[in-house]
Amino acid sequence: MCFEELKRRLLEGIDLRQGRLYLAKVSQGRFLEEENYTIHLNGKRLLFAKVFYGRKPYYKEWVELFNIEEGFFDTEAEDLLLELFSRCFRRIFVEYYNDPQTTKELKSSIPPQETRLGKKLKSLGYTYFRDWYYPEGWMEGGYKLQAERL
């Protein structure tokens, strides 16, 4: 499964114990190879995803999950979305400021890969981790955990 299959599956929707998870909106991003996803759970926005499909030969694919609602973290929806996105993207960025456990762990100097969120990403095959904030002049978003794999 990769890009088109991922999008199709999310557009169809997935029934979870929490309710129905689905891709409510897709819009064009800043570049031809980029799209913006709005993902809902039970009719309410759960998060946004900025999806970059890559531009050969130099730019690899990546996905950023941001503006994530508190009810996402440590749930079946989180597990499923991280697993689905990990199938297609070797680089993932997850905004974690609404994840109290990961935030607390990072503030107490626990290495990113050993946090609650880091362990989930590590179990999906990611091997490089970084905690950071991009100051981009109002385009940076929140604090993110980056994970990559070869």
N, C-alpha and C. Protein backbone atom coordinates (compact mmCIF):
# COMPACT_ATOMS: atom_id res chain seq x y z
N MET A 1 0.86 -1.19 0.00
CA MET A 1 0.00 0.00 0.00
C MET A 1 0.89 1.23 0.00
N CYS A 2 0.55 2.17 -0.89
CA CYS A 2 1.26 3.44 -0.78
C CYS A 2 0.32 4.58 -1.05
N PHE A 3 0.81 5.64 -1.68
CA PHE A 3 0.10 6.92 -1.70
C PHE A 3 -1.37 6.83 -2.10
N GLU A 4 -1.66 6.30 -3.28
CA GLU A 4 -3.05 6.26 -3.74
C GLU A 4 -3.90 5.32 -2.89
N GLU A 5 -3.33 4.20 -2.49
CA GLU A 5 -4.05 3.26 -1.64
C GLU A 5 -4.31 3.87 -0.26
N LEU A 6 -3.34 4.57 0.28
CA LEU A 6 -3.51 5.25 1.57
C LEU A 6 -4.65 6.25 1.49
N LYS A 7 -4.63 7.07 0.45
CA LYS A 7 -5.69 8.08 0.28
C LYS A 7 -7.05 7.42 0.10
N ARG A 8 -7.12 6.38 -0.72
CA ARG A 8 -8.38 5.68 -0.95
C ARG A 8 -8.94 5.10 0.36
N ARG A 9 -8.07 4.47 1.12
CA ARG A 9 -8.52 3.85 2.37
C ARG A 9 -9.05 4.89 3.35
N LEU A 10 -8.36 6.03 3.44
CA LEU A 10 -8.82 7.09 4.34
C LEU A 10 -10.10 7.75 3.83
N LEU A 11 -10.23 7.91 2.52
CA LEU A 11 -11.46 8.48 1.96
C LEU A 11 -12.66 7.56 2.21
N GLU A 12 -12.46 6.27 2.11
CA GLU A 12 -13.53 5.31 2.38
C GLU A 12 -13.93 5.33 3.86
N GLY A 13 -12.97 5.59 4.71
CA GLY A 13 -13.22 5.62 6.14
C GLY A 13 -12.92 4.28 6.79
N ILE A 14 -12.59 4.33 8.05
CA ILE A 14 -12.21 3.14 8.82
C ILE A 14 -12.98 3.19 10.14
N ASP A 15 -13.68 2.12 10.43
CA ASP A 15 -14.42 2.04 11.68
C ASP A 15 -13.51 1.55 12.81
N LEU A 16 -13.46 2.32 13.88
CA LEU A 16 -12.68 1.99 15.07
C LEU A 16 -13.61 1.94 16.26
N ARG A 17 -13.10 1.46 17.40
CA ARG A 17 -13.90 1.51 18.62
C ARG A 17 -14.29 2.94 18.98
N GLN A 18 -13.41 3.90 18.66
CA GLN A 18 -13.66 5.32 18.94
C GLN A 18 -14.71 5.91 18.01
N GLY A 19 -14.90 5.30 16.87
CA GLY A 19 -15.83 5.82 15.87
C GLY A 19 -15.25 5.72 14.48
N ARG A 20 -15.78 6.50 13.57
CA ARG A 20 -15.37 6.44 12.16
C ARG A 20 -14.27 7.47 11.89
N LEU A 21 -13.14 6.97 11.40
CA LEU A 21 -11.98 7.79 11.05
C LEU A 21 -11.97 7.92 9.53
N TYR A 22 -11.86 9.16 9.03
CA TYR A 22 -11.87 9.32 7.57
C TYR A 22 -11.22 10.63 7.13
N LEU A 23 -10.85 10.63 5.87
CA LEU A 23 -10.27 11.81 5.21
C LEU A 23 -11.43 12.66 4.72
N ALA A 24 -11.64 13.79 5.38
CA ALA A 24 -12.79 14.65 5.08
C ALA A 24 -12.52 15.61 3.93
N LYS A 25 -11.25 16.00 3.74
CA LYS A 25 -10.93 17.00 2.72
C LYS A 25 -9.50 16.81 2.24
N VAL A 26 -9.30 16.97 0.94
CA VAL A 26 -7.98 16.98 0.34
C VAL A 26 -7.87 18.26 -0.46
N SER A 27 -6.80 19.02 -0.25
CA SER A 27 -6.59 20.23 -1.04
C SER A 27 -5.14 20.29 -1.51
N GLN A 28 -4.91 21.06 -2.56
CA GLN A 28 -3.58 21.21 -3.13
C GLN A 28 -2.68 21.95 -2.16
N GLY A 29 -1.45 21.50 -2.03
CA GLY A 29 -0.46 22.15 -1.19
C GLY A 29 0.27 23.24 -1.94
N ARG A 30 1.41 23.63 -1.40
CA ARG A 30 2.22 24.70 -2.00
C ARG A 30 2.90 24.28 -3.28
N PHE A 31 3.11 22.99 -3.44
CA PHE A 31 3.82 22.44 -4.59
C PHE A 31 2.95 21.40 -5.28
N LEU A 32 3.26 21.08 -6.50
CA LEU A 32 2.52 20.08 -7.25
C LEU A 32 2.51 18.74 -6.51
N GLU A 33 3.61 18.42 -5.84
CA GLU A 33 3.76 17.12 -5.17
C GLU A 33 3.23 17.11 -3.73
N GLU A 34 2.54 18.15 -3.34
CA GLU A 34 2.09 18.27 -1.94
C GLU A 34 0.58 18.40 -1.85
N GLU A 35 -0.02 17.71 -0.87
CA GLU A 35 -1.44 17.83 -0.61
C GLU A 35 -1.67 18.04 0.88
N ASN A 36 -2.82 18.64 1.18
CA ASN A 36 -3.22 18.85 2.57
C ASN A 36 -4.42 17.96 2.85
N TYR A 37 -4.34 17.19 3.92
CA TYR A 37 -5.42 16.30 4.34
C TYR A 37 -6.05 16.87 5.60
N THR A 38 -7.36 16.80 5.67
CA THR A 38 -8.09 17.07 6.91
C THR A 38 -8.73 15.75 7.32
N ILE A 39 -8.32 15.23 8.46
CA ILE A 39 -8.79 13.92 8.91
C ILE A 39 -9.75 14.11 10.08
N HIS A 40 -10.90 13.46 9.97
CA HIS A 40 -11.96 13.58 10.97
C HIS A 40 -12.16 12.25 11.71
N LEU A 41 -12.67 12.37 12.91
CA LEU A 41 -13.13 11.23 13.68
C LEU A 41 -14.53 11.56 14.16
N ASN A 42 -15.50 10.76 13.76
CA ASN A 42 -16.91 10.99 14.13
C ASN A 42 -17.42 12.38 13.75
N GLY A 43 -17.04 12.85 12.58
CA GLY A 43 -17.54 14.12 12.09
C GLY A 43 -16.84 15.36 12.62
N LYS A 44 -15.83 15.19 13.47
CA LYS A 44 -15.08 16.33 14.01
C LYS A 44 -13.63 16.22 13.58
N ARG A 45 -13.04 17.39 13.29
CA ARG A 45 -11.64 17.40 12.87
C ARG A 45 -10.76 16.81 13.96
N LEU A 46 -9.90 15.86 13.56
CA LEU A 46 -8.96 15.24 14.48
C LEU A 46 -7.56 15.81 14.29
N LEU A 47 -7.17 16.02 13.02
CA LEU A 47 -5.84 16.55 12.73
C LEU A 47 -5.75 16.94 11.26
N PHE A 48 -4.68 17.64 10.95
CA PHE A 48 -4.32 17.95 9.57
C PHE A 48 -3.05 17.17 9.25
N ALA A 49 -2.89 16.82 7.98
CA ALA A 49 -1.65 16.20 7.52
C ALA A 49 -1.20 16.92 6.26
N LYS A 50 0.05 17.32 6.25
CA LYS A 50 0.67 17.87 5.05
C LYS A 50 1.49 16.72 4.46
N VAL A 51 1.13 16.33 3.25
CA VAL A 51 1.69 15.15 2.61
C VAL A 51 2.52 15.59 1.40
N PHE A 52 3.80 15.27 1.42
CA PHE A 52 4.68 15.58 0.29
C PHE A 52 5.10 14.26 -0.33
N TYR A 53 4.76 14.05 -1.60
CA TYR A 53 4.97 12.78 -2.26
C TYR A 53 6.39 12.59 -2.81
N GLY A 54 7.22 13.61 -2.68
CA GLY A 54 8.59 13.52 -3.14
C GLY A 54 8.75 14.09 -4.54
N ARG A 55 9.97 14.47 -4.85
CA ARG A 55 10.32 14.99 -6.18
C ARG A 55 11.69 14.41 -6.52
N LYS A 56 11.70 13.48 -7.42
CA LYS A 56 12.95 12.79 -7.76
C LYS A 56 13.85 13.70 -8.57
N PRO A 57 15.14 13.62 -8.44
CA PRO A 57 15.87 12.62 -7.67
C PRO A 57 16.25 13.07 -6.25
N TYR A 58 15.97 14.32 -5.89
CA TYR A 58 16.56 14.86 -4.66
C TYR A 58 15.66 14.90 -3.44
N TYR A 59 14.38 15.09 -3.60
CA TYR A 59 13.50 15.33 -2.46
C TYR A 59 12.68 14.09 -2.14
N LYS A 60 12.89 13.57 -0.95
CA LYS A 60 12.19 12.36 -0.51
C LYS A 60 10.82 12.71 0.04
N GLU A 61 9.93 11.72 0.08
CA GLU A 61 8.57 11.91 0.59
C GLU A 61 8.60 12.12 2.10
N TRP A 62 7.60 12.86 2.60
CA TRP A 62 7.44 13.06 4.03
C TRP A 62 5.99 13.41 4.33
N VAL A 63 5.62 13.26 5.60
CA VAL A 63 4.29 13.64 6.05
C VAL A 63 4.43 14.33 7.40
N GLU A 64 3.63 15.36 7.59
CA GLU A 64 3.60 16.07 8.87
C GLU A 64 2.18 16.04 9.40
N LEU A 65 2.01 15.58 10.64
CA LEU A 65 0.72 15.57 11.32
C LEU A 65 0.72 16.74 12.31
N PHE A 66 -0.29 17.63 12.20
CA PHE A 66 -0.29 18.82 13.05
C PHE A 66 -1.70 19.26 13.40
N ASN A 67 -1.78 20.25 14.31
CA ASN A 67 -3.07 20.69 14.86
C ASN A 67 -3.88 19.48 15.32
N ILE A 68 -3.22 18.64 16.07
CA ILE A 68 -3.79 17.37 16.52
C ILE A 68 -4.59 17.60 17.80
N GLU A 69 -5.81 17.11 17.80
CA GLU A 69 -6.67 17.23 18.99
C GLU A 69 -6.16 16.31 20.10
N GLU A 70 -6.42 16.72 21.34
CA GLU A 70 -5.94 15.96 22.49
C GLU A 70 -6.42 14.52 22.49
N GLY A 71 -7.62 14.26 22.03
CA GLY A 71 -8.17 12.92 22.05
C GLY A 71 -7.51 11.93 21.11
N PHE A 72 -6.51 12.36 20.36
CA PHE A 72 -5.83 11.50 19.39
C PHE A 72 -4.77 10.62 20.03
N PHE A 73 -4.01 11.20 20.95
CA PHE A 73 -2.83 10.53 21.47
C PHE A 73 -3.19 9.35 22.36
N ASP A 74 -2.42 8.28 22.19
CA ASP A 74 -2.56 7.05 22.97
C ASP A 74 -3.93 6.39 22.74
N THR A 75 -4.36 6.39 21.47
CA THR A 75 -5.64 5.80 21.10
C THR A 75 -5.45 4.85 19.91
N GLU A 76 -6.50 4.13 19.60
CA GLU A 76 -6.51 3.26 18.44
C GLU A 76 -6.33 4.08 17.15
N ALA A 77 -6.91 5.27 17.11
CA ALA A 77 -6.78 6.13 15.92
C ALA A 77 -5.31 6.52 15.71
N GLU A 78 -4.61 6.86 16.78
CA GLU A 78 -3.19 7.19 16.66
C GLU A 78 -2.41 5.99 16.12
N ASP A 79 -2.63 4.83 16.72
CA ASP A 79 -1.91 3.63 16.28
C ASP A 79 -2.15 3.36 14.80
N LEU A 80 -3.40 3.43 14.38
CA LEU A 80 -3.74 3.13 12.99
C LEU A 80 -3.14 4.16 12.02
N LEU A 81 -3.31 5.44 12.31
CA LEU A 81 -2.79 6.46 11.39
C LEU A 81 -1.27 6.41 11.29
N LEU A 82 -0.58 6.25 12.41
CA LEU A 82 0.88 6.15 12.35
C LEU A 82 1.30 4.93 11.53
N GLU A 83 0.61 3.83 11.71
CA GLU A 83 0.93 2.62 10.96
C GLU A 83 0.67 2.83 9.46
N LEU A 84 -0.46 3.41 9.11
CA LEU A 84 -0.78 3.64 7.69
C LEU A 84 0.22 4.59 7.05
N PHE A 85 0.51 5.71 7.69
CA PHE A 85 1.45 6.66 7.11
C PHE A 85 2.86 6.08 7.04
N SER A 86 3.22 5.24 8.02
CA SER A 86 4.58 4.67 8.02
C SER A 86 4.82 3.75 6.82
N ARG A 87 3.76 3.20 6.25
CA ARG A 87 3.91 2.32 5.08
C ARG A 87 4.43 3.07 3.86
N CYS A 88 4.11 4.37 3.77
CA CYS A 88 4.46 5.14 2.57
C CYS A 88 5.57 6.17 2.79
N PHE A 89 5.77 6.60 4.02
CA PHE A 89 6.66 7.73 4.26
C PHE A 89 7.83 7.34 5.14
N ARG A 90 9.03 7.58 4.62
CA ARG A 90 10.24 7.29 5.38
C ARG A 90 10.55 8.40 6.38
N ARG A 91 9.91 9.53 6.21
CA ARG A 91 10.11 10.65 7.15
C ARG A 91 8.73 11.12 7.62
N ILE A 92 8.59 11.24 8.94
CA ILE A 92 7.33 11.69 9.53
C ILE A 92 7.63 12.72 10.60
N PHE A 93 6.78 13.73 10.66
CA PHE A 93 6.85 14.75 11.70
C PHE A 93 5.51 14.72 12.43
N VAL A 94 5.53 14.65 13.75
CA VAL A 94 4.30 14.62 14.53
C VAL A 94 4.37 15.72 15.58
N GLU A 95 3.44 16.65 15.48
CA GLU A 95 3.34 17.73 16.47
C GLU A 95 2.82 17.12 17.77
N TYR A 96 3.52 17.36 18.87
CA TYR A 96 3.17 16.63 20.10
C TYR A 96 2.71 17.50 21.26
N TYR A 97 2.48 18.79 21.09
CA TYR A 97 2.18 19.63 22.25
C TYR A 97 0.88 19.25 22.96
N ASN A 98 -0.02 18.53 22.30
CA ASN A 98 -1.24 18.06 22.97
C ASN A 98 -1.08 16.63 23.50
N ASP A 99 0.13 16.11 23.46
CA ASP A 99 0.44 14.79 24.01
C ASP A 99 1.18 15.02 25.33
N PRO A 100 0.46 15.03 26.45
CA PRO A 100 1.09 15.40 27.72
C PRO A 100 2.23 14.46 28.12
N GLN A 101 2.12 13.18 27.84
CA GLN A 101 3.17 12.25 28.26
C GLN A 101 4.46 12.49 27.48
N THR A 102 4.36 12.60 26.15
CA THR A 102 5.56 12.83 25.34
C THR A 102 6.18 14.19 25.70
N THR A 103 5.36 15.21 25.87
CA THR A 103 5.87 16.53 26.25
C THR A 103 6.63 16.46 27.56
N LYS A 104 6.05 15.82 28.55
CA LYS A 104 6.69 15.69 29.87
C LYS A 104 8.00 14.92 29.75
N GLU A 105 8.00 13.83 29.00
CA GLU A 105 9.21 13.02 28.85
C GLU A 105 10.32 13.80 28.16
N LEU A 106 10.00 14.54 27.11
CA LEU A 106 11.02 15.31 26.42
C LEU A 106 11.56 16.44 27.30
N LYS A 107 10.69 17.09 28.08
CA LYS A 107 11.13 18.15 28.99
C LYS A 107 12.02 17.61 30.09
N SER A 108 11.87 16.33 30.42
CA SER A 108 12.72 15.74 31.46
C SER A 108 13.95 15.05 30.87
N SER A 109 14.29 15.38 29.64
CA SER A 109 15.51 14.93 28.95
C SER A 109 15.52 13.46 28.55
N ILE A 110 14.37 12.84 28.45
CA ILE A 110 14.31 11.49 27.91
C ILE A 110 14.56 11.60 26.41
N PRO A 111 15.42 10.78 25.84
CA PRO A 111 15.70 10.86 24.40
C PRO A 111 14.41 10.66 23.59
N PRO A 112 14.27 11.36 22.47
CA PRO A 112 13.04 11.29 21.67
C PRO A 112 12.57 9.87 21.36
N GLN A 113 13.49 8.98 21.03
CA GLN A 113 13.12 7.62 20.66
C GLN A 113 12.64 6.79 21.86
N GLU A 114 12.85 7.30 23.07
CA GLU A 114 12.43 6.57 24.28
C GLU A 114 11.15 7.14 24.88
N THR A 115 10.57 8.16 24.27
CA THR A 115 9.30 8.71 24.74
C THR A 115 8.16 7.82 24.31
N ARG A 116 6.97 8.09 24.81
CA ARG A 116 5.79 7.32 24.43
C ARG A 116 5.61 7.32 22.92
N LEU A 117 5.62 8.52 22.32
CA LEU A 117 5.45 8.64 20.87
C LEU A 117 6.65 8.07 20.12
N GLY A 118 7.84 8.33 20.60
CA GLY A 118 9.05 7.80 19.96
C GLY A 118 9.07 6.28 19.91
N LYS A 119 8.64 5.64 20.98
CA LYS A 119 8.59 4.17 21.00
C LYS A 119 7.62 3.63 19.96
N LYS A 120 6.48 4.31 19.79
CA LYS A 120 5.52 3.88 18.75
C LYS A 120 6.17 3.97 17.37
N LEU A 121 6.84 5.08 17.11
CA LEU A 121 7.48 5.26 15.80
C LEU A 121 8.64 4.29 15.61
N LYS A 122 9.37 4.05 16.67
CA LYS A 122 10.47 3.08 16.62
C LYS A 122 9.94 1.69 16.28
N SER A 123 8.80 1.32 16.84
CA SER A 123 8.21 0.00 16.56
C SER A 123 7.76 -0.13 15.11
N LEU A 124 7.59 1.02 14.42
CA LEU A 124 7.19 1.02 13.01
C LEU A 124 8.40 1.05 12.07
N GLY A 125 9.60 0.95 12.63
CA GLY A 125 10.81 0.86 11.81
C GLY A 125 11.61 2.14 11.69
N TYR A 126 11.18 3.20 12.33
CA TYR A 126 11.95 4.45 12.27
C TYR A 126 13.17 4.34 13.18
N THR A 127 14.30 4.87 12.70
CA THR A 127 15.56 4.70 13.43
C THR A 127 16.24 6.01 13.81
N TYR A 128 15.90 7.09 13.16
CA TYR A 128 16.50 8.40 13.46
C TYR A 128 15.41 9.27 14.06
N PHE A 129 15.71 9.94 15.18
CA PHE A 129 14.71 10.77 15.86
C PHE A 129 15.31 12.13 16.20
N ARG A 130 14.43 13.13 16.16
CA ARG A 130 14.85 14.48 16.52
C ARG A 130 13.64 15.25 17.03
N ASP A 131 13.86 15.99 18.08
CA ASP A 131 12.84 16.85 18.66
C ASP A 131 13.20 18.27 18.26
N TRP A 132 12.25 18.96 17.61
CA TRP A 132 12.58 20.33 17.21
C TRP A 132 11.40 21.19 16.86
N TYR A 133 11.77 22.46 16.61
CA TYR A 133 10.83 23.52 16.31
C TYR A 133 11.45 24.33 15.17
N TYR A 134 10.71 24.52 14.08
CA TYR A 134 11.20 25.27 12.93
C TYR A 134 10.74 26.72 12.98
N PRO A 135 11.60 27.68 13.23
CA PRO A 135 11.17 29.07 13.15
C PRO A 135 11.17 29.52 11.68
N GLU A 136 9.98 29.57 11.07
CA GLU A 136 9.87 29.89 9.65
C GLU A 136 9.02 31.13 9.40
N GLY A 137 8.90 32.02 10.36
CA GLY A 137 8.12 33.22 10.13
C GLY A 137 6.64 32.97 10.03
N TRP A 138 6.06 32.44 11.06
CA TRP A 138 4.62 32.17 11.18
C TRP A 138 4.16 30.92 10.45
N MET A 139 5.07 30.15 9.88
CA MET A 139 4.70 28.93 9.18
C MET A 139 5.24 27.69 9.90
N GLU A 140 5.81 27.86 11.09
CA GLU A 140 6.54 26.78 11.72
C GLU A 140 5.68 25.74 12.44
N GLY A 141 4.50 26.10 12.85
CA GLY A 141 3.70 25.14 13.60
C GLY A 141 4.23 24.95 14.99
N GLY A 142 3.86 23.85 15.61
CA GLY A 142 4.27 23.57 16.98
C GLY A 142 5.50 22.70 17.06
N TYR A 143 5.81 22.29 18.27
CA TYR A 143 6.95 21.39 18.50
C TYR A 143 6.66 20.05 17.84
N LYS A 144 7.67 19.49 17.17
CA LYS A 144 7.49 18.27 16.41
C LYS A 144 8.52 17.23 16.80
N LEU A 145 8.10 15.99 16.74
CA LEU A 145 9.03 14.88 16.82
C LEU A 145 9.19 14.38 15.39
N GLN A 146 10.43 14.35 14.93
CA GLN A 146 10.74 13.86 13.59
C GLN A 146 11.28 12.45 13.73
N ALA A 147 10.85 11.57 12.83
CA ALA A 147 11.38 10.21 12.78
C ALA A 147 11.64 9.86 11.32
N GLU A 148 12.75 9.16 11.09
CA GLU A 148 13.13 8.76 9.73
C GLU A 148 13.65 7.34 9.73
N ARG A 149 13.57 6.72 8.58
CA ARG A 149 14.18 5.42 8.39
C ARG A 149 14.78 5.36 6.98
N LEU A 150 15.68 4.43 6.81
CA LEU A 150 16.31 4.26 5.50
C LEU A 150 15.39 3.58 4.52
